Protein backbone atom coordinates (compact mmCIF):
# COMPACT_ATOMS: atom_id res chain seq x y z
CA MET A 1 -8.69 24.67 10.62
CA ALA A 2 -7.64 21.58 12.59
CA GLY A 3 -10.82 19.80 11.46
CA LYS A 4 -10.02 20.50 7.82
CA LEU A 5 -6.51 19.18 8.29
CA ARG A 6 -7.87 16.04 9.99
CA ASN A 7 -10.21 15.54 7.02
CA LEU A 8 -7.26 15.82 4.63
CA VAL A 9 -5.34 13.24 6.64
CA ARG A 10 -8.31 10.86 6.50
CA LEU A 11 -8.70 11.46 2.76
CA PHE A 12 -5.05 10.67 2.09
CA GLU A 13 -5.16 7.63 4.40
CA TRP A 14 -8.05 6.39 2.28
CA ARG A 15 -6.05 7.05 -0.91
CA VAL A 16 -3.07 5.14 0.45
CA ASP A 17 -5.35 2.23 1.35
CA GLU A 18 -6.86 2.26 -2.13
CA ARG A 19 -3.41 2.24 -3.73
CA ARG A 20 -2.37 -0.65 -1.45
CA ARG A 21 -5.45 -2.64 -2.43
CA LYS A 22 -4.79 -2.03 -6.12
CA LEU A 23 -1.17 -3.12 -5.75
CA GLY A 24 -2.24 -6.20 -3.81
CA GLU A 25 -4.71 -7.16 -6.54
CA LEU A 26 -2.03 -6.81 -9.21
CA LEU A 27 0.42 -8.90 -7.19
CA ARG A 28 -2.23 -11.60 -6.72
CA LEU A 29 -2.95 -11.53 -10.45
CA VAL A 30 0.72 -12.11 -11.27
CA ALA A 31 0.84 -14.97 -8.76
CA ASN A 32 -2.25 -16.54 -10.36
CA LEU A 33 -0.78 -16.18 -13.84
CA GLU A 34 2.47 -17.77 -12.69
CA ASP A 35 0.45 -20.64 -11.18
CA GLN A 36 -1.35 -21.08 -14.50
CA ALA A 37 2.00 -21.18 -16.31
CA ARG A 38 3.31 -23.86 -13.92
CA GLN A 39 0.12 -25.91 -14.31
CA LEU A 40 0.40 -25.62 -18.09
CA GLU A 41 3.98 -26.89 -18.00
CA THR A 42 2.95 -29.80 -15.77
CA GLU A 43 0.08 -30.62 -18.09
CA LEU A 44 2.39 -30.39 -21.11
CA ALA A 45 4.88 -32.80 -19.54
CA GLY A 46 2.07 -35.27 -18.90
CA GLU A 47 0.81 -35.02 -22.47
CA GLN A 48 4.36 -35.47 -23.81
CA ALA A 49 4.71 -38.66 -21.78
CA ILE A 50 1.39 -39.98 -23.14
CA ALA A 51 2.34 -39.04 -26.71
CA GLY A 52 5.73 -40.71 -26.29
CA ALA A 53 4.07 -43.92 -25.13
CA SER A 54 1.95 -44.24 -28.27
CA PRO A 55 3.43 -42.04 -31.00
CA ALA A 56 1.35 -43.46 -33.85
CA GLU A 57 -1.96 -42.55 -32.25
CA ALA A 58 -0.94 -39.29 -30.58
CA GLY A 59 1.26 -37.83 -33.33
CA PHE A 60 -1.44 -35.85 -35.09
CA LEU A 61 -3.34 -34.85 -31.96
CA TYR A 62 -0.26 -33.87 -30.00
CA GLY A 63 0.85 -31.41 -32.69
CA ASN A 64 -2.38 -29.44 -32.39
CA TYR A 65 -2.21 -29.61 -28.62
CA ALA A 66 1.39 -28.36 -28.61
CA GLU A 67 0.45 -25.36 -30.79
CA ALA A 68 -2.39 -24.47 -28.40
CA VAL A 69 -0.05 -24.76 -25.42
CA ILE A 70 2.51 -22.48 -27.07
CA LEU A 71 -0.16 -19.85 -27.76
CA ARG A 72 -1.49 -20.10 -24.22
CA ARG A 73 2.02 -19.88 -22.75
CA ASP A 74 2.70 -16.75 -24.82
CA ARG A 75 -0.56 -15.14 -23.70
CA ILE A 76 0.23 -15.87 -20.06
CA ALA A 77 3.76 -14.44 -20.46
CA GLU A 78 2.32 -11.31 -22.11
CA SER A 79 -0.19 -10.90 -19.29
CA ILE A 80 2.53 -11.28 -16.67
CA THR A 81 4.71 -8.68 -18.40
CA LYS A 82 1.83 -6.23 -18.75
CA THR A 83 0.76 -6.74 -15.13
CA GLU A 84 4.33 -6.29 -13.87
CA GLU A 85 4.45 -2.95 -15.71
CA GLU A 86 1.19 -2.00 -14.01
CA ILE A 87 2.73 -3.03 -10.68
CA VAL A 88 5.59 -0.58 -11.22
CA GLY A 89 3.06 2.20 -11.84
CA ALA A 90 0.93 1.14 -8.87
CA ARG A 91 3.98 1.21 -6.58
CA GLU A 92 4.81 4.72 -7.77
CA GLU A 93 1.23 5.82 -7.13
CA LEU A 94 1.34 4.25 -3.67
CA ASN A 95 4.63 5.99 -2.87
CA ASP A 96 3.25 9.34 -4.05
CA ALA A 97 0.07 8.91 -2.01
CA TYR A 98 2.10 7.90 1.05
CA ARG A 99 4.35 10.96 0.71
CA GLU A 100 1.30 13.21 0.50
CA LEU A 101 -0.23 11.52 3.54
CA LYS A 102 3.01 11.91 5.48
CA LYS A 103 3.08 15.64 4.69
CA TYR A 104 -0.36 16.15 6.18
CA GLN A 105 0.35 13.89 9.16
CA VAL A 106 3.54 15.81 9.97
CA THR A 107 1.68 19.11 9.65
CA GLU A 108 -1.13 17.83 11.88
CA GLU A 109 1.35 16.60 14.51
CA SER A 110 3.23 19.90 14.37
CA ARG A 111 0.01 21.83 14.96
CA ARG A 112 -0.94 19.51 17.81
CA GLN A 113 2.46 19.97 19.45
CA ARG A 114 2.27 23.74 18.99
CA LYS A 115 -1.19 23.78 20.57
CA LEU A 116 0.07 21.70 23.52
CA ARG A 117 3.00 24.07 24.03
CA GLU A 118 0.67 27.08 23.88
CA THR A 119 -1.72 25.49 26.39
CA SER A 120 1.18 24.60 28.66
CA ARG A 121 2.57 28.14 28.37
CA LYS A 122 -0.81 29.62 29.31
CA GLU A 123 -1.22 27.25 32.24
CA GLN A 124 2.27 28.12 33.45
CA ALA A 125 1.49 31.84 33.16
CA VAL A 126 -1.65 31.37 35.27
CA ALA A 127 0.30 29.32 37.84
CA ASP A 128 3.03 31.98 37.95
CA GLU A 129 0.45 34.71 38.43
CA LEU A 130 -1.24 32.78 41.26
CA SER A 131 2.12 32.16 42.93
CA THR A 132 3.04 35.84 42.64
CA GLN A 133 -0.29 36.92 44.11
CA GLY A 134 0.05 34.41 46.94
CA PHE A 135 3.55 35.63 47.69
CA LEU A 136 2.41 39.25 47.68
CA ARG A 137 -0.50 38.43 50.01
CA ARG A 138 1.80 36.65 52.44
CA LEU A 139 4.22 39.53 52.23
CA ASN A 140 1.46 42.09 52.95
CA THR A 141 -0.13 40.11 55.78
CA GLY A 142 3.23 39.50 57.42
CA ARG A 143 3.70 43.24 58.22
């Protein structure tokens, strides 16, 4: 029975680790998307400065570029929102898996403590019996 419980603990430890990895990947994805958004804004500022320096030449080209940047910015924002929703779900899954793991760990520790108490009780009973027998022998040989 203890082996089965140990296997369950290992299984749920693995599940918790998997949920942590998934959450970590989602958090990294959001960080990458936010980096892309910052880079896009930096690039846009640079292009605006170039277009402002020569408006006659850049007027037509900048308009198309600006539309593409707006679309890309919207896609990045959508991806961030979607990923943040997934993060909320991943955190819930991680919390659930951790609670399940904790249940089995507490049960395993309780069984281990109970087994230690039982072993200690048996050892004490043997020691008491040996002490009683020794006392009785000394009592009988002293007569």
